[in-house]
N, C-alpha and C. Protein backbone atom coordinates (compact mmCIF):
# COMPACT_ATOMS: atom_id res chain seq x y z
N MET A 1 11.81 -33.47 -54.23
CA MET A 1 13.20 -33.58 -53.81
C MET A 1 14.10 -33.86 -55.01
N GLU A 2 15.35 -33.40 -54.90
CA GLU A 2 16.33 -33.73 -55.93
C GLU A 2 17.05 -35.02 -55.52
N VAL A 3 16.89 -36.05 -56.31
CA VAL A 3 17.51 -37.34 -56.00
C VAL A 3 18.96 -37.33 -56.49
N LYS A 4 19.89 -37.58 -55.56
CA LYS A 4 21.31 -37.57 -55.91
C LYS A 4 21.92 -38.97 -55.88
N CYS A 5 21.24 -39.92 -55.23
CA CYS A 5 21.76 -41.29 -55.13
C CYS A 5 20.60 -42.26 -54.94
N ILE A 6 20.67 -43.41 -55.60
CA ILE A 6 19.65 -44.45 -55.46
C ILE A 6 20.25 -45.66 -54.76
N ILE A 7 19.58 -46.11 -53.71
CA ILE A 7 20.00 -47.32 -52.99
C ILE A 7 19.00 -48.43 -53.33
N PHE A 8 19.47 -49.41 -54.07
CA PHE A 8 18.63 -50.54 -54.46
C PHE A 8 18.74 -51.68 -53.46
N ASP A 9 17.63 -52.30 -53.13
CA ASP A 9 17.66 -53.65 -52.56
C ASP A 9 18.09 -54.57 -53.71
N CYS A 10 18.43 -55.81 -53.40
CA CYS A 10 18.89 -56.72 -54.46
C CYS A 10 17.79 -57.67 -54.94
N ASP A 11 17.43 -58.64 -54.11
CA ASP A 11 16.46 -59.67 -54.51
C ASP A 11 15.08 -59.06 -54.74
N GLY A 12 14.53 -59.31 -55.92
CA GLY A 12 13.21 -58.81 -56.24
C GLY A 12 13.18 -57.37 -56.72
N VAL A 13 14.36 -56.72 -56.72
CA VAL A 13 14.47 -55.34 -57.19
C VAL A 13 15.45 -55.25 -58.35
N LEU A 14 16.64 -55.84 -58.18
CA LEU A 14 17.62 -55.91 -59.26
C LEU A 14 17.58 -57.26 -59.96
N VAL A 15 17.44 -58.32 -59.17
CA VAL A 15 17.47 -59.68 -59.72
C VAL A 15 16.20 -60.43 -59.33
N ASP A 16 15.75 -61.27 -60.23
CA ASP A 16 14.51 -62.01 -60.04
C ASP A 16 14.81 -63.32 -59.33
N THR A 17 14.91 -63.26 -57.99
CA THR A 17 15.33 -64.42 -57.20
C THR A 17 14.30 -64.88 -56.17
N GLU A 18 13.32 -64.04 -55.87
CA GLU A 18 12.44 -64.33 -54.74
C GLU A 18 11.69 -65.66 -54.89
N LYS A 19 11.23 -65.95 -56.09
CA LYS A 19 10.52 -67.20 -56.31
C LYS A 19 11.46 -68.39 -56.13
N ILE A 20 12.71 -68.23 -56.58
CA ILE A 20 13.69 -69.31 -56.46
C ILE A 20 14.01 -69.59 -55.00
N GLY A 21 14.42 -68.54 -54.28
CA GLY A 21 14.83 -68.70 -52.89
C GLY A 21 13.70 -69.18 -52.00
N ASN A 22 12.52 -68.59 -52.15
CA ASN A 22 11.38 -69.02 -51.35
C ASN A 22 10.95 -70.43 -51.71
N GLY A 23 11.05 -70.78 -52.98
CA GLY A 23 10.67 -72.12 -53.41
C GLY A 23 11.54 -73.18 -52.77
N VAL A 24 12.86 -72.94 -52.75
CA VAL A 24 13.79 -73.88 -52.12
C VAL A 24 13.50 -73.98 -50.63
N LEU A 25 13.30 -72.83 -49.97
CA LEU A 25 13.06 -72.82 -48.53
C LEU A 25 11.77 -73.56 -48.18
N LEU A 26 10.70 -73.29 -48.91
CA LEU A 26 9.43 -73.95 -48.62
C LEU A 26 9.50 -75.45 -48.87
N SER A 27 10.23 -75.84 -49.92
CA SER A 27 10.39 -77.26 -50.22
C SER A 27 11.14 -77.97 -49.09
N MET A 28 12.20 -77.36 -48.60
CA MET A 28 12.96 -77.96 -47.51
C MET A 28 12.16 -77.98 -46.21
N ALA A 29 11.46 -76.88 -45.93
CA ALA A 29 10.68 -76.79 -44.70
C ALA A 29 9.53 -77.80 -44.70
N ALA A 30 8.99 -78.08 -45.88
CA ALA A 30 7.90 -79.06 -45.99
C ALA A 30 8.36 -80.44 -45.56
N GLU A 31 9.63 -80.72 -45.72
CA GLU A 31 10.18 -82.01 -45.29
C GLU A 31 10.12 -82.18 -43.77
N HIS A 32 9.90 -81.05 -43.08
CA HIS A 32 9.83 -81.07 -41.61
C HIS A 32 8.43 -80.70 -41.11
N GLY A 33 7.45 -80.76 -42.02
CA GLY A 33 6.06 -80.57 -41.63
C GLY A 33 5.54 -79.16 -41.72
N PHE A 34 6.30 -78.25 -42.34
CA PHE A 34 5.87 -76.87 -42.46
C PHE A 34 5.17 -76.65 -43.79
N GLU A 35 4.04 -75.94 -43.75
CA GLU A 35 3.29 -75.64 -44.96
C GLU A 35 3.03 -74.14 -45.06
N MET A 36 3.29 -73.59 -46.24
CA MET A 36 3.02 -72.18 -46.48
C MET A 36 2.91 -71.96 -47.98
N LYS A 37 1.97 -71.12 -48.38
CA LYS A 37 1.83 -70.79 -49.79
C LYS A 37 2.95 -69.82 -50.19
N LEU A 38 3.33 -69.89 -51.46
CA LEU A 38 4.42 -69.04 -51.96
C LEU A 38 4.11 -67.57 -51.76
N GLU A 39 2.86 -67.16 -52.00
CA GLU A 39 2.53 -65.74 -51.85
C GLU A 39 2.64 -65.28 -50.40
N ASP A 40 2.40 -66.19 -49.44
CA ASP A 40 2.56 -65.84 -48.03
C ASP A 40 4.04 -65.72 -47.68
N ALA A 41 4.88 -66.53 -48.31
CA ALA A 41 6.32 -66.44 -48.09
C ALA A 41 6.85 -65.10 -48.58
N TYR A 42 6.32 -64.63 -49.72
CA TYR A 42 6.72 -63.31 -50.21
C TYR A 42 6.49 -62.25 -49.15
N ARG A 43 5.35 -62.34 -48.49
CA ARG A 43 4.98 -61.32 -47.51
C ARG A 43 5.75 -61.49 -46.19
N ASP A 44 5.89 -62.72 -45.72
CA ASP A 44 6.44 -62.96 -44.39
C ASP A 44 7.96 -63.08 -44.35
N PHE A 45 8.57 -63.54 -45.45
CA PHE A 45 10.00 -63.83 -45.43
C PHE A 45 10.87 -62.83 -46.17
N ASN A 46 10.33 -62.21 -47.23
CA ASN A 46 11.17 -61.35 -48.08
C ASN A 46 11.78 -60.19 -47.29
N GLY A 47 13.07 -59.98 -47.50
CA GLY A 47 13.76 -58.86 -46.88
C GLY A 47 14.23 -59.11 -45.46
N ARG A 48 13.91 -60.28 -44.90
CA ARG A 48 14.25 -60.54 -43.51
C ARG A 48 15.51 -61.40 -43.39
N ASN A 49 16.14 -61.32 -42.24
CA ASN A 49 17.27 -62.16 -41.91
C ASN A 49 16.83 -63.62 -42.01
N LEU A 50 17.65 -64.45 -42.64
CA LEU A 50 17.29 -65.85 -42.84
C LEU A 50 17.00 -66.56 -41.52
N LYS A 51 17.74 -66.21 -40.48
CA LYS A 51 17.51 -66.86 -39.18
C LYS A 51 16.12 -66.54 -38.64
N GLU A 52 15.62 -65.35 -38.92
CA GLU A 52 14.25 -65.01 -38.50
C GLU A 52 13.24 -65.90 -39.21
N CYS A 53 13.50 -66.20 -40.47
CA CYS A 53 12.62 -67.09 -41.23
C CYS A 53 12.63 -68.48 -40.63
N PHE A 54 13.82 -68.94 -40.23
CA PHE A 54 13.93 -70.27 -39.62
C PHE A 54 13.17 -70.32 -38.29
N ILE A 55 13.26 -69.24 -37.51
CA ILE A 55 12.54 -69.20 -36.23
C ILE A 55 11.03 -69.26 -36.48
N HIS A 56 10.57 -68.55 -37.51
CA HIS A 56 9.15 -68.60 -37.88
C HIS A 56 8.73 -70.04 -38.18
N ILE A 57 9.54 -70.74 -38.94
CA ILE A 57 9.24 -72.13 -39.29
C ILE A 57 9.24 -73.01 -38.04
N GLU A 58 10.27 -72.84 -37.20
CA GLU A 58 10.38 -73.65 -35.98
C GLU A 58 9.19 -73.43 -35.05
N ASN A 59 8.75 -72.18 -34.93
CA ASN A 59 7.58 -71.90 -34.08
C ASN A 59 6.33 -72.57 -34.63
N ALA A 60 6.23 -72.60 -35.96
CA ALA A 60 5.04 -73.19 -36.59
C ALA A 60 4.99 -74.71 -36.42
N ILE A 61 6.16 -75.34 -36.47
CA ILE A 61 6.20 -76.82 -36.38
C ILE A 61 6.51 -77.29 -34.96
N ALA A 62 6.76 -76.32 -34.06
CA ALA A 62 7.02 -76.61 -32.64
C ALA A 62 8.20 -77.56 -32.43
N LYS A 63 9.24 -77.37 -33.22
CA LYS A 63 10.47 -78.13 -33.02
C LYS A 63 11.61 -77.43 -33.74
N LYS A 64 12.82 -77.79 -33.35
CA LYS A 64 14.01 -77.18 -33.95
C LYS A 64 14.29 -77.81 -35.32
N LEU A 65 14.75 -76.99 -36.23
CA LEU A 65 15.22 -77.50 -37.52
C LEU A 65 16.60 -78.13 -37.32
N PRO A 66 17.00 -79.03 -38.19
CA PRO A 66 18.33 -79.65 -38.06
C PRO A 66 19.45 -78.62 -38.09
N ASP A 67 20.55 -78.93 -37.43
CA ASP A 67 21.67 -78.01 -37.35
C ASP A 67 22.23 -77.63 -38.73
N ASN A 68 22.10 -78.55 -39.67
CA ASN A 68 22.65 -78.29 -41.02
C ASN A 68 21.63 -77.68 -41.97
N PHE A 69 20.47 -77.24 -41.44
CA PHE A 69 19.41 -76.73 -42.31
C PHE A 69 19.88 -75.50 -43.08
N GLU A 70 20.54 -74.57 -42.40
CA GLU A 70 20.98 -73.36 -43.08
C GLU A 70 22.03 -73.66 -44.15
N SER A 71 23.02 -74.48 -43.82
CA SER A 71 24.07 -74.79 -44.80
C SER A 71 23.48 -75.53 -45.99
N GLU A 72 22.51 -76.40 -45.73
CA GLU A 72 21.86 -77.13 -46.81
C GLU A 72 21.04 -76.18 -47.69
N TYR A 73 20.35 -75.24 -47.04
CA TYR A 73 19.59 -74.25 -47.80
C TYR A 73 20.51 -73.41 -48.67
N ARG A 74 21.60 -72.95 -48.08
CA ARG A 74 22.56 -72.14 -48.85
C ARG A 74 23.04 -72.91 -50.08
N GLU A 75 23.39 -74.18 -49.87
CA GLU A 75 23.92 -74.99 -50.96
C GLU A 75 22.88 -75.18 -52.06
N ARG A 76 21.66 -75.55 -51.67
CA ARG A 76 20.60 -75.81 -52.67
C ARG A 76 20.20 -74.53 -53.39
N SER A 77 20.06 -73.44 -52.65
CA SER A 77 19.62 -72.20 -53.28
C SER A 77 20.71 -71.63 -54.19
N PHE A 78 21.97 -71.74 -53.77
CA PHE A 78 23.06 -71.24 -54.61
C PHE A 78 23.10 -72.00 -55.93
N GLU A 79 22.88 -73.30 -55.88
CA GLU A 79 22.87 -74.09 -57.10
C GLU A 79 21.73 -73.65 -58.02
N ALA A 80 20.58 -73.36 -57.43
CA ALA A 80 19.44 -72.90 -58.22
C ALA A 80 19.71 -71.51 -58.80
N PHE A 81 20.30 -70.64 -57.98
CA PHE A 81 20.59 -69.28 -58.44
C PHE A 81 21.54 -69.29 -59.64
N LYS A 82 22.52 -70.21 -59.62
CA LYS A 82 23.54 -70.24 -60.67
C LYS A 82 22.95 -70.44 -62.06
N THR A 83 21.78 -71.06 -62.14
CA THR A 83 21.20 -71.36 -63.45
C THR A 83 19.91 -70.62 -63.74
N GLN A 84 19.26 -70.08 -62.70
CA GLN A 84 17.91 -69.56 -62.89
C GLN A 84 17.76 -68.04 -62.73
N VAL A 85 18.73 -67.37 -62.12
CA VAL A 85 18.58 -65.94 -61.83
C VAL A 85 18.62 -65.11 -63.11
N LYS A 86 17.71 -64.16 -63.18
CA LYS A 86 17.66 -63.23 -64.30
C LYS A 86 17.52 -61.80 -63.74
N PRO A 87 17.93 -60.80 -64.52
CA PRO A 87 17.70 -59.43 -64.08
C PRO A 87 16.21 -59.12 -64.09
N MET A 88 15.78 -58.26 -63.19
CA MET A 88 14.38 -57.84 -63.20
C MET A 88 14.08 -57.13 -64.51
N GLU A 89 12.88 -57.33 -65.00
CA GLU A 89 12.50 -56.73 -66.28
C GLU A 89 12.64 -55.21 -66.22
N GLY A 90 13.35 -54.66 -67.17
CA GLY A 90 13.49 -53.21 -67.29
C GLY A 90 14.66 -52.62 -66.54
N ILE A 91 15.33 -53.40 -65.66
CA ILE A 91 16.39 -52.80 -64.83
C ILE A 91 17.62 -52.43 -65.65
N VAL A 92 17.98 -53.23 -66.64
CA VAL A 92 19.16 -52.92 -67.45
C VAL A 92 18.98 -51.59 -68.17
N GLU A 93 17.83 -51.40 -68.79
CA GLU A 93 17.54 -50.16 -69.50
C GLU A 93 17.52 -48.97 -68.53
N PHE A 94 16.97 -49.21 -67.35
CA PHE A 94 16.90 -48.16 -66.34
C PHE A 94 18.29 -47.72 -65.90
N LEU A 95 19.17 -48.70 -65.62
CA LEU A 95 20.53 -48.37 -65.21
C LEU A 95 21.30 -47.68 -66.32
N ASN A 96 21.04 -48.10 -67.55
CA ASN A 96 21.73 -47.48 -68.69
C ASN A 96 21.45 -45.99 -68.79
N LYS A 97 20.27 -45.58 -68.36
CA LYS A 97 19.86 -44.18 -68.49
C LYS A 97 20.22 -43.33 -67.27
N LEU A 98 20.59 -44.00 -66.17
CA LEU A 98 20.86 -43.25 -64.94
C LEU A 98 22.09 -42.36 -65.08
N LYS A 99 21.98 -41.16 -64.56
CA LYS A 99 23.10 -40.21 -64.58
C LYS A 99 23.51 -39.82 -63.17
N ILE A 100 23.01 -40.55 -62.19
CA ILE A 100 23.38 -40.29 -60.79
C ILE A 100 23.94 -41.57 -60.19
N PRO A 101 24.72 -41.45 -59.10
CA PRO A 101 25.30 -42.63 -58.45
C PRO A 101 24.22 -43.56 -57.88
N TYR A 102 24.57 -44.83 -57.77
CA TYR A 102 23.66 -45.82 -57.20
C TYR A 102 24.47 -46.95 -56.59
N CYS A 103 23.81 -47.73 -55.73
CA CYS A 103 24.46 -48.85 -55.06
C CYS A 103 23.41 -49.89 -54.71
N VAL A 104 23.85 -51.00 -54.11
CA VAL A 104 22.93 -52.03 -53.65
C VAL A 104 23.17 -52.26 -52.17
N ALA A 105 22.08 -52.37 -51.40
CA ALA A 105 22.14 -52.62 -49.95
C ALA A 105 21.17 -53.75 -49.64
N SER A 106 21.70 -54.89 -49.21
CA SER A 106 20.88 -56.10 -49.06
C SER A 106 21.11 -56.77 -47.72
N SER A 107 20.09 -57.50 -47.28
CA SER A 107 20.21 -58.30 -46.05
C SER A 107 21.02 -59.57 -46.28
N GLY A 108 21.27 -59.92 -47.53
CA GLY A 108 21.97 -61.16 -47.84
C GLY A 108 23.47 -61.04 -47.67
N PRO A 109 24.16 -62.20 -47.60
CA PRO A 109 25.63 -62.20 -47.53
C PRO A 109 26.23 -61.66 -48.83
N VAL A 110 27.44 -61.13 -48.75
CA VAL A 110 28.09 -60.55 -49.92
C VAL A 110 28.24 -61.57 -51.05
N ASP A 111 28.61 -62.82 -50.71
CA ASP A 111 28.81 -63.81 -51.77
C ASP A 111 27.52 -64.13 -52.51
N LYS A 112 26.40 -64.09 -51.79
CA LYS A 112 25.11 -64.32 -52.45
C LYS A 112 24.74 -63.14 -53.35
N ILE A 113 24.95 -61.93 -52.85
CA ILE A 113 24.66 -60.73 -53.64
C ILE A 113 25.48 -60.76 -54.93
N ARG A 114 26.78 -61.03 -54.78
CA ARG A 114 27.67 -61.03 -55.94
C ARG A 114 27.29 -62.13 -56.93
N LEU A 115 26.97 -63.32 -56.42
CA LEU A 115 26.58 -64.42 -57.31
C LEU A 115 25.36 -64.05 -58.13
N ASN A 116 24.33 -63.53 -57.46
CA ASN A 116 23.09 -63.21 -58.16
C ASN A 116 23.28 -62.08 -59.17
N LEU A 117 24.05 -61.07 -58.79
CA LEU A 117 24.32 -59.98 -59.74
C LEU A 117 25.14 -60.48 -60.93
N GLU A 118 26.08 -61.38 -60.66
CA GLU A 118 26.92 -61.90 -61.74
C GLU A 118 26.11 -62.73 -62.73
N VAL A 119 25.29 -63.64 -62.21
CA VAL A 119 24.48 -64.50 -63.09
C VAL A 119 23.50 -63.64 -63.90
N ALA A 120 23.02 -62.57 -63.29
CA ALA A 120 22.07 -61.68 -63.98
C ALA A 120 22.76 -60.70 -64.92
N GLY A 121 24.10 -60.70 -64.92
CA GLY A 121 24.83 -59.80 -65.80
C GLY A 121 24.93 -58.38 -65.31
N LEU A 122 24.80 -58.19 -63.99
CA LEU A 122 24.78 -56.83 -63.43
C LEU A 122 25.98 -56.52 -62.53
N LEU A 123 26.82 -57.50 -62.27
CA LEU A 123 27.87 -57.32 -61.26
C LEU A 123 28.80 -56.16 -61.58
N ASP A 124 29.18 -56.03 -62.83
CA ASP A 124 30.14 -54.97 -63.19
C ASP A 124 29.59 -53.58 -62.90
N ARG A 125 28.28 -53.45 -62.85
CA ARG A 125 27.66 -52.14 -62.58
C ARG A 125 27.70 -51.78 -61.09
N PHE A 126 27.95 -52.77 -60.25
CA PHE A 126 27.87 -52.54 -58.80
C PHE A 126 29.18 -52.83 -58.07
N GLU A 127 30.26 -53.03 -58.79
CA GLU A 127 31.54 -53.25 -58.12
C GLU A 127 31.87 -52.07 -57.21
N ASN A 128 32.31 -52.40 -55.99
CA ASN A 128 32.65 -51.41 -54.97
C ASN A 128 31.45 -50.60 -54.51
N LYS A 129 30.26 -51.07 -54.83
CA LYS A 129 29.03 -50.38 -54.39
C LYS A 129 28.03 -51.41 -53.85
N ILE A 130 28.56 -52.47 -53.20
CA ILE A 130 27.74 -53.54 -52.64
C ILE A 130 27.84 -53.49 -51.12
N PHE A 131 26.69 -53.36 -50.46
CA PHE A 131 26.65 -53.25 -49.00
C PHE A 131 25.73 -54.33 -48.43
N SER A 132 26.26 -55.10 -47.48
CA SER A 132 25.54 -56.24 -46.92
C SER A 132 25.32 -56.07 -45.42
N SER A 133 24.14 -56.50 -44.97
CA SER A 133 23.84 -56.49 -43.54
C SER A 133 24.85 -57.31 -42.75
N TYR A 134 25.39 -58.34 -43.37
CA TYR A 134 26.35 -59.21 -42.68
C TYR A 134 27.65 -58.48 -42.37
N GLU A 135 27.93 -57.41 -43.07
CA GLU A 135 29.16 -56.64 -42.82
C GLU A 135 29.02 -55.75 -41.59
N ILE A 136 27.81 -55.37 -41.26
CA ILE A 136 27.61 -54.46 -40.13
C ILE A 136 26.72 -55.06 -39.04
N ASN A 137 26.28 -56.32 -39.23
CA ASN A 137 25.43 -57.01 -38.25
C ASN A 137 24.17 -56.23 -37.92
N SER A 138 23.53 -55.74 -38.97
CA SER A 138 22.26 -55.02 -38.81
C SER A 138 21.34 -55.42 -39.95
N TRP A 139 20.19 -55.95 -39.60
CA TRP A 139 19.28 -56.46 -40.62
C TRP A 139 17.96 -55.69 -40.63
N LYS A 140 17.41 -55.54 -41.82
CA LYS A 140 16.09 -54.93 -41.97
C LYS A 140 15.10 -55.72 -41.10
N PRO A 141 14.15 -55.06 -40.44
CA PRO A 141 13.68 -53.68 -40.63
C PRO A 141 14.49 -52.60 -39.91
N ASP A 142 15.62 -52.95 -39.28
CA ASP A 142 16.50 -51.91 -38.76
C ASP A 142 17.07 -51.12 -39.94
N PRO A 143 17.17 -49.80 -39.84
CA PRO A 143 17.61 -48.99 -40.97
C PRO A 143 19.12 -48.97 -41.20
N GLY A 144 19.86 -49.70 -40.38
CA GLY A 144 21.31 -49.62 -40.39
C GLY A 144 21.97 -49.81 -41.75
N ILE A 145 21.51 -50.78 -42.53
CA ILE A 145 22.17 -51.06 -43.80
C ILE A 145 21.99 -49.92 -44.79
N PHE A 146 20.84 -49.27 -44.78
CA PHE A 146 20.61 -48.14 -45.69
C PHE A 146 21.40 -46.90 -45.23
N LEU A 147 21.47 -46.68 -43.93
CA LEU A 147 22.25 -45.56 -43.41
C LEU A 147 23.74 -45.77 -43.72
N HIS A 148 24.19 -47.01 -43.60
CA HIS A 148 25.57 -47.36 -43.93
C HIS A 148 25.87 -47.12 -45.40
N ALA A 149 24.94 -47.54 -46.25
CA ALA A 149 25.14 -47.36 -47.70
C ALA A 149 25.22 -45.88 -48.06
N ALA A 150 24.30 -45.09 -47.52
CA ALA A 150 24.31 -43.65 -47.81
C ALA A 150 25.62 -43.01 -47.37
N LYS A 151 26.09 -43.39 -46.18
CA LYS A 151 27.34 -42.84 -45.66
C LYS A 151 28.52 -43.23 -46.54
N GLU A 152 28.58 -44.51 -46.92
CA GLU A 152 29.68 -44.99 -47.75
C GLU A 152 29.66 -44.35 -49.14
N MET A 153 28.48 -44.04 -49.63
CA MET A 153 28.35 -43.37 -50.94
C MET A 153 28.56 -41.87 -50.83
N ASP A 154 28.67 -41.39 -49.57
CA ASP A 154 28.94 -39.99 -49.28
C ASP A 154 27.78 -39.07 -49.66
N PHE A 155 26.57 -39.53 -49.31
CA PHE A 155 25.38 -38.72 -49.54
C PHE A 155 24.55 -38.63 -48.25
N ALA A 156 23.88 -37.51 -48.07
CA ALA A 156 22.96 -37.36 -46.94
C ALA A 156 21.70 -38.16 -47.21
N VAL A 157 21.04 -38.59 -46.14
CA VAL A 157 19.80 -39.37 -46.27
C VAL A 157 18.78 -38.63 -47.13
N LYS A 158 18.68 -37.32 -46.95
CA LYS A 158 17.68 -36.54 -47.67
C LYS A 158 17.91 -36.53 -49.18
N ASP A 159 19.12 -36.86 -49.60
CA ASP A 159 19.46 -36.85 -51.02
C ASP A 159 19.33 -38.22 -51.68
N CYS A 160 18.99 -39.24 -50.89
CA CYS A 160 18.90 -40.61 -51.39
C CYS A 160 17.46 -41.11 -51.42
N ILE A 161 17.21 -42.02 -52.32
CA ILE A 161 15.97 -42.78 -52.24
C ILE A 161 16.31 -44.26 -52.17
N VAL A 162 15.40 -45.02 -51.60
CA VAL A 162 15.55 -46.47 -51.48
C VAL A 162 14.50 -47.14 -52.36
N ILE A 163 14.91 -48.17 -53.08
CA ILE A 163 13.96 -48.97 -53.87
C ILE A 163 13.90 -50.36 -53.26
N GLU A 164 12.72 -50.75 -52.82
CA GLU A 164 12.53 -51.99 -52.07
C GLU A 164 11.32 -52.77 -52.58
N ASP A 165 11.26 -54.05 -52.22
CA ASP A 165 10.09 -54.85 -52.57
C ASP A 165 9.55 -55.61 -51.37
N SER A 166 10.14 -55.41 -50.19
CA SER A 166 9.69 -56.15 -49.01
C SER A 166 9.21 -55.21 -47.92
N LYS A 167 8.31 -55.72 -47.09
CA LYS A 167 7.79 -54.94 -45.97
C LYS A 167 8.92 -54.54 -45.03
N ALA A 168 9.80 -55.49 -44.72
CA ALA A 168 10.92 -55.21 -43.82
C ALA A 168 11.82 -54.13 -44.40
N GLY A 169 12.04 -54.18 -45.71
CA GLY A 169 12.89 -53.20 -46.37
C GLY A 169 12.29 -51.82 -46.37
N VAL A 170 11.00 -51.73 -46.62
CA VAL A 170 10.33 -50.43 -46.59
C VAL A 170 10.36 -49.85 -45.18
N MET A 171 10.11 -50.69 -44.19
CA MET A 171 10.17 -50.24 -42.79
C MET A 171 11.55 -49.69 -42.47
N ALA A 172 12.59 -50.39 -42.96
CA ALA A 172 13.97 -49.95 -42.72
C ALA A 172 14.22 -48.59 -43.36
N GLY A 173 13.80 -48.45 -44.60
CA GLY A 173 14.01 -47.18 -45.30
C GLY A 173 13.28 -46.02 -44.66
N ILE A 174 12.02 -46.22 -44.35
CA ILE A 174 11.20 -45.16 -43.77
C ILE A 174 11.74 -44.75 -42.40
N SER A 175 12.08 -45.74 -41.57
CA SER A 175 12.58 -45.42 -40.22
C SER A 175 13.94 -44.75 -40.27
N GLY A 176 14.68 -44.96 -41.38
CA GLY A 176 15.96 -44.30 -41.55
C GLY A 176 15.84 -42.89 -42.10
N GLY A 177 14.62 -42.49 -42.46
CA GLY A 177 14.40 -41.14 -42.96
C GLY A 177 14.45 -41.01 -44.48
N PHE A 178 14.48 -42.14 -45.19
CA PHE A 178 14.56 -42.12 -46.65
C PHE A 178 13.17 -42.07 -47.28
N LYS A 179 13.10 -41.53 -48.47
CA LYS A 179 11.91 -41.70 -49.31
C LYS A 179 12.06 -43.07 -49.95
N VAL A 180 11.01 -43.88 -49.89
CA VAL A 180 11.09 -45.25 -50.36
C VAL A 180 10.08 -45.50 -51.49
N TYR A 181 10.58 -46.08 -52.56
CA TYR A 181 9.72 -46.54 -53.65
C TYR A 181 9.59 -48.05 -53.55
N GLY A 182 8.34 -48.51 -53.50
CA GLY A 182 8.08 -49.94 -53.34
C GLY A 182 7.74 -50.60 -54.65
N PHE A 183 8.49 -51.62 -55.02
CA PHE A 183 8.28 -52.37 -56.26
C PHE A 183 7.12 -53.34 -56.03
N ALA A 184 5.95 -52.98 -56.52
CA ALA A 184 4.75 -53.79 -56.31
C ALA A 184 4.75 -55.00 -57.25
N ASN A 185 4.61 -56.19 -56.65
CA ASN A 185 4.65 -57.41 -57.47
C ASN A 185 3.35 -58.20 -57.45
N GLY A 186 2.30 -57.59 -56.88
CA GLY A 186 1.02 -58.28 -56.83
C GLY A 186 0.75 -58.96 -55.51
N TYR A 187 1.84 -59.31 -54.79
CA TYR A 187 1.71 -59.93 -53.47
C TYR A 187 1.92 -58.92 -52.35
N ASN A 188 2.72 -57.91 -52.62
CA ASN A 188 3.18 -57.04 -51.55
C ASN A 188 2.57 -55.64 -51.55
N ASN A 189 1.72 -55.35 -52.52
CA ASN A 189 1.23 -53.98 -52.72
C ASN A 189 0.69 -53.34 -51.44
N GLU A 190 -0.23 -54.02 -50.80
CA GLU A 190 -0.89 -53.46 -49.62
C GLU A 190 0.10 -53.24 -48.48
N ASP A 191 0.99 -54.21 -48.25
CA ASP A 191 1.96 -54.10 -47.16
C ASP A 191 2.93 -52.94 -47.39
N LEU A 192 3.43 -52.80 -48.63
CA LEU A 192 4.40 -51.74 -48.91
C LEU A 192 3.77 -50.36 -48.75
N GLU A 193 2.58 -50.21 -49.28
CA GLU A 193 1.89 -48.93 -49.20
C GLU A 193 1.56 -48.58 -47.74
N LYS A 194 1.15 -49.58 -46.99
CA LYS A 194 0.81 -49.37 -45.58
C LYS A 194 2.01 -48.88 -44.79
N GLU A 195 3.21 -49.34 -45.15
CA GLU A 195 4.42 -48.95 -44.43
C GLU A 195 4.98 -47.61 -44.91
N GLY A 196 4.38 -47.03 -45.95
CA GLY A 196 4.77 -45.68 -46.35
C GLY A 196 5.51 -45.56 -47.66
N ALA A 197 5.58 -46.65 -48.43
CA ALA A 197 6.28 -46.59 -49.72
C ALA A 197 5.38 -46.01 -50.79
N GLU A 198 5.99 -45.37 -51.77
CA GLU A 198 5.28 -44.95 -52.97
C GLU A 198 5.43 -46.07 -53.99
N LEU A 199 4.32 -46.64 -54.44
CA LEU A 199 4.37 -47.86 -55.25
C LEU A 199 4.66 -47.57 -56.73
N PHE A 200 5.37 -48.52 -57.35
CA PHE A 200 5.52 -48.55 -58.80
C PHE A 200 5.54 -50.01 -59.21
N SER A 201 5.17 -50.30 -60.45
CA SER A 201 5.07 -51.70 -60.87
C SER A 201 6.03 -52.06 -62.00
N ASN A 202 6.70 -51.05 -62.59
CA ASN A 202 7.75 -51.32 -63.58
C ASN A 202 8.68 -50.11 -63.63
N TYR A 203 9.89 -50.37 -64.11
CA TYR A 203 10.91 -49.31 -64.06
C TYR A 203 10.61 -48.13 -64.98
N GLU A 204 9.81 -48.35 -65.97
CA GLU A 204 9.45 -47.23 -66.85
C GLU A 204 8.74 -46.13 -66.07
N GLU A 205 8.03 -46.51 -65.03
CA GLU A 205 7.31 -45.53 -64.22
C GLU A 205 8.26 -44.61 -63.47
N LEU A 206 9.50 -45.04 -63.27
CA LEU A 206 10.46 -44.22 -62.53
C LEU A 206 11.37 -43.41 -63.43
N ASN A 207 11.34 -43.66 -64.72
CA ASN A 207 12.28 -42.99 -65.62
C ASN A 207 12.26 -41.48 -65.48
N PHE A 208 11.08 -40.90 -65.38
CA PHE A 208 10.97 -39.44 -65.36
C PHE A 208 11.61 -38.83 -64.11
N LEU A 209 11.80 -39.62 -63.08
CA LEU A 209 12.31 -39.08 -61.83
C LEU A 209 13.82 -38.87 -61.82
N PHE A 210 14.53 -39.72 -62.57
CA PHE A 210 15.96 -39.80 -62.34
C PHE A 210 16.83 -39.42 -63.53
N GLN A 211 16.26 -38.94 -64.58
CA GLN A 211 17.08 -38.55 -65.72
C GLN A 211 17.53 -37.10 -65.52
N VAL A 212 18.51 -36.96 -64.65
CA VAL A 212 18.98 -35.61 -64.26
C VAL A 212 20.40 -35.41 -64.75
């Protein structure tokens, strides 16, 4: 296929945030009796609506989390993101070489996407090309956010590819009719491949595809 537009997920694809966000969430959840290994959080939580993650925790501990749990998580994670977020290895060089349009489509709120891109030094590359599930009330694994991004970028699904690192994200891309490349990080390889993604482990592996 001729790729005319690339739709990037944000966390774990453009910016190295998954360890930070999951670490804060697991630390807070542990205060309420929840236990989970970080690698399991990568598999079960990445790419999903935050409220779904909270429901998972509540079901495991058989009680409701405090009403302020989400606001507290947002506050703690934002503080961590402000100092710890970095661009994914190789992404800057990859974007520098791209000669086709691209955008970001994420399950996160716009302010979180913008914060992480800004701290990582990538925000200027994605101005007016940021699409959030919160804007359309559709979260992965529903394909809505990717279909929305393609439409807003004025490209047909067949002309776009999606780059994802989560099971939910790959499911969303595949069900939307996109070709999906899965960023394998050692924790997600089997899940991404099982859902139909073509795996890659660094951006150099994709260079030959998009220098058009």
